[in-house]
Amino acid sequence: MKHENANRVFLLNRDGKPLMPCRPRKARLLLKSGKAFVVKKYPFTIQLKYGSYGYKQKKPQDPLPSSPLSQQNSRQA
């Protein structure tokens, strides 16, 4: 069985707030280019040095936004 989050790196924005995890390759590129730095080694977490917006970590209680496609499929059923 494949573990979905086994190959993920935790990511923090410039303010230290969690973003969606990224793949190790993306983290390696961010570190090598100087756009991020290591915060913790276990679990491996990096923090961005530049401002970012979007793709922030969703809270479990936040409802998922409904897409027009899912609404369209429910009408057909």
PDB file of N, CA and C in Angstrom:
ATOM      1  N   MET A   1       0.845  -1.185   0.000  1.00  0.00           N
ATOM      2  CA  MET A   1       0.000   0.000   0.000  1.00  0.00           C
ATOM      3  C   MET A   1       0.889   1.247   0.000  1.00  0.00           C
ATOM      4  N   LYS A   2       0.555   2.180  -0.842  1.00  0.00           N
ATOM      5  CA  LYS A   2       1.353   3.397  -0.983  1.00  0.00           C
ATOM      6  C   LYS A   2       0.864   4.460   0.006  1.00  0.00           C
ATOM      7  N   HIS A   3       1.806   5.086   0.706  1.00  0.00           N
ATOM      8  CA  HIS A   3       1.451   6.159   1.637  1.00  0.00           C
ATOM      9  C   HIS A   3       1.476   7.482   0.889  1.00  0.00           C
ATOM     10  N   GLU A   4       0.372   8.197   0.927  1.00  0.00           N
ATOM     11  CA  GLU A   4       0.240   9.439   0.171  1.00  0.00           C
ATOM     12  C   GLU A   4       1.172  10.539   0.670  1.00  0.00           C
ATOM     13  N   ASN A   5       1.325  10.688   1.976  1.00  0.00           N
ATOM     14  CA  ASN A   5       2.111  11.797   2.516  1.00  0.00           C
ATOM     15  C   ASN A   5       3.536  11.403   2.871  1.00  0.00           C
ATOM     16  N   ALA A   6       3.961  10.199   2.492  1.00  0.00           N
ATOM     17  CA  ALA A   6       5.303   9.746   2.840  1.00  0.00           C
ATOM     18  C   ALA A   6       6.368  10.603   2.167  1.00  0.00           C
ATOM     19  N   ASN A   7       6.139  11.044   0.950  1.00  0.00           N
ATOM     20  CA  ASN A   7       7.116  11.845   0.222  1.00  0.00           C
ATOM     21  C   ASN A   7       6.653  13.283   0.095  1.00  0.00           C
ATOM     22  N   ARG A   8       6.376  13.904   1.197  1.00  0.00           N
ATOM     23  CA  ARG A   8       5.952  15.299   1.213  1.00  0.00           C
ATOM     24  C   ARG A   8       6.824  16.077   2.180  1.00  0.00           C
ATOM     25  N   VAL A   9       7.005  17.344   1.868  1.00  0.00           N
ATOM     26  CA  VAL A   9       7.765  18.249   2.730  1.00  0.00           C
ATOM     27  C   VAL A   9       6.797  19.313   3.209  1.00  0.00           C
ATOM     28  N   PHE A  10       6.769  19.529   4.517  1.00  0.00           N
ATOM     29  CA  PHE A  10       5.891  20.554   5.060  1.00  0.00           C
ATOM     30  C   PHE A  10       6.450  21.922   4.705  1.00  0.00           C
ATOM     31  N   LEU A  11       5.553  22.849   4.418  1.00  0.00           N
ATOM     32  CA  LEU A  11       5.931  24.157   3.905  1.00  0.00           C
ATOM     33  C   LEU A  11       5.242  25.243   4.718  1.00  0.00           C
ATOM     34  N   LEU A  12       5.998  26.266   5.097  1.00  0.00           N
ATOM     35  CA  LEU A  12       5.455  27.419   5.816  1.00  0.00           C
ATOM     36  C   LEU A  12       5.655  28.655   4.957  1.00  0.00           C
ATOM     37  N   ASN A  13       4.703  29.602   5.052  1.00  0.00           N
ATOM     38  CA  ASN A  13       4.893  30.849   4.311  1.00  0.00           C
ATOM     39  C   ASN A  13       5.862  31.748   5.074  1.00  0.00           C
ATOM     40  N   ARG A  14       6.073  32.936   4.582  1.00  0.00           N
ATOM     41  CA  ARG A  14       7.044  33.853   5.192  1.00  0.00           C
ATOM     42  C   ARG A  14       6.681  34.178   6.634  1.00  0.00           C
ATOM     43  N   ASP A  15       5.388  34.170   6.954  1.00  0.00           N
ATOM     44  CA  ASP A  15       4.926  34.492   8.302  1.00  0.00           C
ATOM     45  C   ASP A  15       4.888  33.279   9.226  1.00  0.00           C
ATOM     46  N   GLY A  16       5.244  32.097   8.706  1.00  0.00           N
ATOM     47  CA  GLY A  16       5.254  30.891   9.527  1.00  0.00           C
ATOM     48  C   GLY A  16       3.945  30.140   9.546  1.00  0.00           C
ATOM     49  N   LYS A  17       3.003  30.512   8.698  1.00  0.00           N
ATOM     50  CA  LYS A  17       1.713  29.816   8.639  1.00  0.00           C
ATOM     51  C   LYS A  17       1.802  28.670   7.634  1.00  0.00           C
ATOM     52  N   PRO A  18       1.121  27.547   7.930  1.00  0.00           N
ATOM     53  CA  PRO A  18       1.259  26.367   7.066  1.00  0.00           C
ATOM     54  C   PRO A  18       0.630  26.537   5.690  1.00  0.00           C
ATOM     55  N   LEU A  19       1.355  26.040   4.696  1.00  0.00           N
ATOM     56  CA  LEU A  19       0.863  25.944   3.326  1.00  0.00           C
ATOM     57  C   LEU A  19       0.690  24.464   3.017  1.00  0.00           C
ATOM     58  N   MET A  20       0.181  24.163   1.843  1.00  0.00           N
ATOM     59  CA  MET A  20       0.039  22.770   1.446  1.00  0.00           C
ATOM     60  C   MET A  20       1.432  22.154   1.284  1.00  0.00           C
ATOM     61  N   PRO A  21       1.609  20.911   1.714  1.00  0.00           N
ATOM     62  CA  PRO A  21       2.915  20.253   1.563  1.00  0.00           C
ATOM     63  C   PRO A  21       3.322  20.150   0.095  1.00  0.00           C
ATOM     64  N   CYS A  22       4.620  20.109  -0.133  1.00  0.00           N
ATOM     65  CA  CYS A  22       5.127  19.994  -1.505  1.00  0.00           C
ATOM     66  C   CYS A  22       5.976  18.735  -1.629  1.00  0.00           C
ATOM     67  N   ARG A  23       6.334  18.404  -2.839  1.00  0.00           N
ATOM     68  CA  ARG A  23       7.182  17.236  -3.101  1.00  0.00           C
ATOM     69  C   ARG A  23       8.642  17.585  -2.804  1.00  0.00           C
ATOM     70  N   PRO A  24       9.446  16.574  -2.483  1.00  0.00           N
ATOM     71  CA  PRO A  24      10.856  16.829  -2.162  1.00  0.00           C
ATOM     72  C   PRO A  24      11.619  17.559  -3.262  1.00  0.00           C
ATOM     73  N   ARG A  25      11.304  17.291  -4.518  1.00  0.00           N
ATOM     74  CA  ARG A  25      12.006  17.964  -5.619  1.00  0.00           C
ATOM     75  C   ARG A  25      11.774  19.472  -5.570  1.00  0.00           C
ATOM     76  N   LYS A  26      10.530  19.878  -5.343  1.00  0.00           N
ATOM     77  CA  LYS A  26      10.196  21.303  -5.251  1.00  0.00           C
ATOM     78  C   LYS A  26      10.921  21.932  -4.060  1.00  0.00           C
ATOM     79  N   ALA A  27      10.932  21.231  -2.927  1.00  0.00           N
ATOM     80  CA  ALA A  27      11.619  21.739  -1.736  1.00  0.00           C
ATOM     81  C   ALA A  27      13.113  21.893  -2.001  1.00  0.00           C
ATOM     82  N   ARG A  28      13.705  20.908  -2.671  1.00  0.00           N
ATOM     83  CA  ARG A  28      15.130  20.961  -2.994  1.00  0.00           C
ATOM     84  C   ARG A  28      15.448  22.163  -3.876  1.00  0.00           C
ATOM     85  N   LEU A  29      14.587  22.430  -4.863  1.00  0.00           N
ATOM     86  CA  LEU A  29      14.790  23.579  -5.748  1.00  0.00           C
ATOM     87  C   LEU A  29      14.660  24.900  -4.988  1.00  0.00           C
ATOM     88  N   LEU A  30      13.685  24.983  -4.087  1.00  0.00           N
ATOM     89  CA  LEU A  30      13.507  26.197  -3.285  1.00  0.00           C
ATOM     90  C   LEU A  30      14.723  26.440  -2.390  1.00  0.00           C
ATOM     91  N   LEU A  31      15.238  25.382  -1.775  1.00  0.00           N
ATOM     92  CA  LEU A  31      16.403  25.513  -0.897  1.00  0.00           C
ATOM     93  C   LEU A  31      17.653  25.895  -1.686  1.00  0.00           C
ATOM     94  N   LYS A  32      17.861  25.242  -2.815  1.00  0.00           N
ATOM     95  CA  LYS A  32      19.052  25.490  -3.623  1.00  0.00           C
ATOM     96  C   LYS A  32      19.076  26.907  -4.185  1.00  0.00           C
ATOM     97  N   SER A  33      17.891  27.442  -4.533  1.00  0.00           N
ATOM     98  CA  SER A  33      17.823  28.789  -5.097  1.00  0.00           C
ATOM     99  C   SER A  33      17.815  29.877  -4.021  1.00  0.00           C
ATOM    100  N   GLY A  34      17.791  29.474  -2.744  1.00  0.00           N
ATOM    101  CA  GLY A  34      17.814  30.446  -1.658  1.00  0.00           C
ATOM    102  C   GLY A  34      16.463  31.063  -1.356  1.00  0.00           C
ATOM    103  N   LYS A  35      15.395  30.465  -1.865  1.00  0.00           N
ATOM    104  CA  LYS A  35      14.052  30.999  -1.642  1.00  0.00           C
ATOM    105  C   LYS A  35      13.400  30.443  -0.383  1.00  0.00           C
ATOM    106  N   ALA A  36      14.068  29.485   0.284  1.00  0.00           N
ATOM    107  CA  ALA A  36      13.527  28.877   1.497  1.00  0.00           C
ATOM    108  C   ALA A  36      14.679  28.430   2.385  1.00  0.00           C
ATOM    109  N   PHE A  37      14.351  28.149   3.655  1.00  0.00           N
ATOM    110  CA  PHE A  37      15.344  27.629   4.587  1.00  0.00           C
ATOM    111  C   PHE A  37      14.694  26.559   5.451  1.00  0.00           C
ATOM    112  N   VAL A  38      15.524  25.685   6.017  1.00  0.00           N
ATOM    113  CA  VAL A  38      15.035  24.571   6.826  1.00  0.00           C
ATOM    114  C   VAL A  38      14.658  25.075   8.213  1.00  0.00           C
ATOM    115  N   VAL A  39      13.453  24.714   8.653  1.00  0.00           N
ATOM    116  CA  VAL A  39      12.982  25.079   9.990  1.00  0.00           C
ATOM    117  C   VAL A  39      13.188  23.904  10.943  1.00  0.00           C
ATOM    118  N   LYS A  40      12.760  22.707  10.517  1.00  0.00           N
ATOM    119  CA  LYS A  40      12.908  21.491  11.324  1.00  0.00           C
ATOM    120  C   LYS A  40      13.354  20.356  10.423  1.00  0.00           C
ATOM    121  N   LYS A  41      14.134  19.447  10.998  1.00  0.00           N
ATOM    122  CA  LYS A  41      14.565  18.283  10.221  1.00  0.00           C
ATOM    123  C   LYS A  41      13.579  17.135  10.346  1.00  0.00           C
ATOM    124  N   TYR A  42      12.862  17.024  11.474  1.00  0.00           N
ATOM    125  CA  TYR A  42      11.858  15.981  11.626  1.00  0.00           C
ATOM    126  C   TYR A  42      10.636  16.543  12.310  1.00  0.00           C
ATOM    127  N   PRO A  43       9.487  16.560  11.698  1.00  0.00           N
ATOM    128  CA  PRO A  43       9.277  16.288  10.280  1.00  0.00           C
ATOM    129  C   PRO A  43       9.910  17.402   9.445  1.00  0.00           C
ATOM    130  N   PHE A  44      10.459  17.029   8.297  1.00  0.00           N
ATOM    131  CA  PHE A  44      11.194  17.990   7.474  1.00  0.00           C
ATOM    132  C   PHE A  44      10.266  19.125   7.067  1.00  0.00           C
ATOM    133  N   THR A  45      10.614  20.339   7.498  1.00  0.00           N
ATOM    134  CA  THR A  45       9.781  21.521   7.271  1.00  0.00           C
ATOM    135  C   THR A  45      10.662  22.652   6.775  1.00  0.00           C
ATOM    136  N   ILE A  46      10.199  23.332   5.731  1.00  0.00           N
ATOM    137  CA  ILE A  46      10.927  24.493   5.218  1.00  0.00           C
ATOM    138  C   ILE A  46      10.013  25.709   5.251  1.00  0.00           C
ATOM    139  N   GLN A  47      10.633  26.882   5.295  1.00  0.00           N
ATOM    140  CA  GLN A  47       9.884  28.133   5.318  1.00  0.00           C
ATOM    141  C   GLN A  47      10.343  29.001   4.160  1.00  0.00           C
ATOM    142  N   LEU A  48       9.374  29.598   3.475  1.00  0.00           N
ATOM    143  CA  LEU A  48       9.679  30.460   2.343  1.00  0.00           C
ATOM    144  C   LEU A  48      10.228  31.793   2.828  1.00  0.00           C
ATOM    145  N   LYS A  49      11.121  32.383   2.046  1.00  0.00           N
ATOM    146  CA  LYS A  49      11.678  33.700   2.359  1.00  0.00           C
ATOM    147  C   LYS A  49      10.920  34.811   1.644  1.00  0.00           C
ATOM    148  N   TYR A  50      10.036  34.440   0.731  1.00  0.00           N
ATOM    149  CA  TYR A  50       9.288  35.438  -0.034  1.00  0.00           C
ATOM    150  C   TYR A  50       7.800  35.303   0.265  1.00  0.00           C
ATOM    151  N   GLY A  51       7.058  36.353   0.012  1.00  0.00           N
ATOM    152  CA  GLY A  51       5.624  36.348   0.258  1.00  0.00           C
ATOM    153  C   GLY A  51       4.902  35.457  -0.736  1.00  0.00           C
ATOM    154  N   SER A  52       3.940  34.719  -0.256  1.00  0.00           N
ATOM    155  CA  SER A  52       3.140  33.866  -1.129  1.00  0.00           C
ATOM    156  C   SER A  52       1.684  33.980  -0.702  1.00  0.00           C
ATOM    157  N   TYR A  53       0.822  33.660  -1.613  1.00  0.00           N
ATOM    158  CA  TYR A  53      -0.603  33.675  -1.308  1.00  0.00           C
ATOM    159  C   TYR A  53      -1.248  32.511  -2.031  1.00  0.00           C
ATOM    160  N   GLY A  54      -2.367  32.076  -1.527  1.00  0.00           N
ATOM    161  CA  GLY A  54      -3.058  30.944  -2.127  1.00  0.00           C
ATOM    162  C   GLY A  54      -2.484  29.619  -1.660  1.00  0.00           C
ATOM    163  N   TYR A  55      -3.195  28.567  -1.911  1.00  0.00           N
ATOM    164  CA  TYR A  55      -2.811  27.204  -1.558  1.00  0.00           C
ATOM    165  C   TYR A  55      -2.475  27.065  -0.079  1.00  0.00           C
ATOM    166  N   LYS A  56      -3.176  27.795   0.763  1.00  0.00           N
ATOM    167  CA  LYS A  56      -2.905  27.658   2.188  1.00  0.00           C
ATOM    168  C   LYS A  56      -3.565  26.385   2.712  1.00  0.00           C
ATOM    169  N   GLN A  57      -3.075  25.917   3.833  1.00  0.00           N
ATOM    170  CA  GLN A  57      -3.570  24.692   4.442  1.00  0.00           C
ATOM    171  C   GLN A  57      -5.011  24.905   4.884  1.00  0.00           C
ATOM    172  N   LYS A  58      -5.891  24.013   4.476  1.00  0.00           N
ATOM    173  CA  LYS A  58      -7.295  24.116   4.868  1.00  0.00           C
ATOM    174  C   LYS A  58      -7.494  23.486   6.233  1.00  0.00           C
ATOM    175  N   LYS A  59      -8.365  24.088   7.023  1.00  0.00           N
ATOM    176  CA  LYS A  59      -8.714  23.533   8.318  1.00  0.00           C
ATOM    177  C   LYS A  59      -9.729  22.415   8.088  1.00  0.00           C
ATOM    178  N   PRO A  60      -9.704  21.374   8.919  1.00  0.00           N
ATOM    179  CA  PRO A  60     -10.634  20.258   8.710  1.00  0.00           C
ATOM    180  C   PRO A  60     -12.101  20.667   8.755  1.00  0.00           C
ATOM    181  N   GLN A  61     -12.450  21.685   9.526  1.00  0.00           N
ATOM    182  CA  GLN A  61     -13.850  22.068   9.635  1.00  0.00           C
ATOM    183  C   GLN A  61     -14.315  22.957   8.477  1.00  0.00           C
ATOM    184  N   ASP A  62     -13.379  23.476   7.662  1.00  0.00           N
ATOM    185  CA  ASP A  62     -13.772  24.297   6.524  1.00  0.00           C
ATOM    186  C   ASP A  62     -14.428  23.429   5.458  1.00  0.00           C
ATOM    187  N   PRO A  63     -15.610  23.813   4.984  1.00  0.00           N
ATOM    188  CA  PRO A  63     -16.240  23.027   3.915  1.00  0.00           C
ATOM    189  C   PRO A  63     -15.474  23.215   2.609  1.00  0.00           C
ATOM    190  N   LEU A  64     -15.456  22.181   1.808  1.00  0.00           N
ATOM    191  CA  LEU A  64     -14.808  22.277   0.505  1.00  0.00           C
ATOM    192  C   LEU A  64     -15.697  23.083  -0.429  1.00  0.00           C
ATOM    193  N   PRO A  65     -15.114  23.956  -1.225  1.00  0.00           N
ATOM    194  CA  PRO A  65     -15.938  24.729  -2.154  1.00  0.00           C
ATOM    195  C   PRO A  65     -16.527  23.809  -3.213  1.00  0.00           C
ATOM    196  N   SER A  66     -17.774  24.063  -3.559  1.00  0.00           N
ATOM    197  CA  SER A  66     -18.407  23.234  -4.580  1.00  0.00           C
ATOM    198  C   SER A  66     -18.099  23.821  -5.946  1.00  0.00           C
ATOM    199  N   SER A  67     -17.827  22.955  -6.873  1.00  0.00           N
ATOM    200  CA  SER A  67     -17.510  23.402  -8.224  1.00  0.00           C
ATOM    201  C   SER A  67     -18.763  23.335  -9.081  1.00  0.00           C
ATOM    202  N   PRO A  68     -18.826  24.139 -10.131  1.00  0.00           N
ATOM    203  CA  PRO A  68     -19.985  24.079 -11.024  1.00  0.00           C
ATOM    204  C   PRO A  68     -20.163  22.692 -11.635  1.00  0.00           C
ATOM    205  N   LEU A  69     -19.067  21.979 -11.850  1.00  0.00           N
ATOM    206  CA  LEU A  69     -19.144  20.648 -12.436  1.00  0.00           C
ATOM    207  C   LEU A  69     -19.841  19.677 -11.494  1.00  0.00           C
ATOM    208  N   SER A  70     -19.527  19.740 -10.189  1.00  0.00           N
ATOM    209  CA  SER A  70     -20.161  18.828  -9.240  1.00  0.00           C
ATOM    210  C   SER A  70     -21.642  19.156  -9.086  1.00  0.00           C
ATOM    211  N   GLN A  71     -22.007  20.428  -9.178  1.00  0.00           N
ATOM    212  CA  GLN A  71     -23.415  20.799  -9.110  1.00  0.00           C
ATOM    213  C   GLN A  71     -24.155  20.303 -10.342  1.00  0.00           C
ATOM    214  N   GLN A  72     -23.496  20.350 -11.481  1.00  0.00           N
ATOM    215  CA  GLN A  72     -24.102  19.908 -12.725  1.00  0.00           C
ATOM    216  C   GLN A  72     -24.339  18.397 -12.690  1.00  0.00           C
ATOM    217  N   ASN A  73     -23.394  17.637 -12.142  1.00  0.00           N
ATOM    218  CA  ASN A  73     -23.541  16.189 -12.053  1.00  0.00           C
ATOM    219  C   ASN A  73     -24.657  15.802 -11.104  1.00  0.00           C
ATOM    220  N   SER A  74     -24.867  16.562 -10.028  1.00  0.00           N
ATOM    221  CA  SER A  74     -25.924  16.232  -9.074  1.00  0.00           C
ATOM    222  C   SER A  74     -27.302  16.492  -9.670  1.00  0.00           C
ATOM    223  N   ARG A  75     -27.400  17.435 -10.591  1.00  0.00           N
ATOM    224  CA  ARG A  75     -28.683  17.701 -11.249  1.00  0.00           C
ATOM    225  C   ARG A  75     -29.068  16.569 -12.194  1.00  0.00           C
ATOM    226  N   GLN A  76     -28.071  15.960 -12.827  1.00  0.00           N
ATOM    227  CA  GLN A  76     -28.339  14.899 -13.788  1.00  0.00           C
ATOM    228  C   GLN A  76     -28.734  13.605 -13.101  1.00  0.00           C
ATOM    229  N   ALA A  77     -28.340  13.408 -11.871  1.00  0.00           N
ATOM    230  CA  ALA A  77     -28.610  12.144 -11.169  1.00  0.00           C
ATOM    231  C   ALA A  77     -30.032  12.010 -10.722  1.00  0.00           C
TER     232      ALA A  77
END
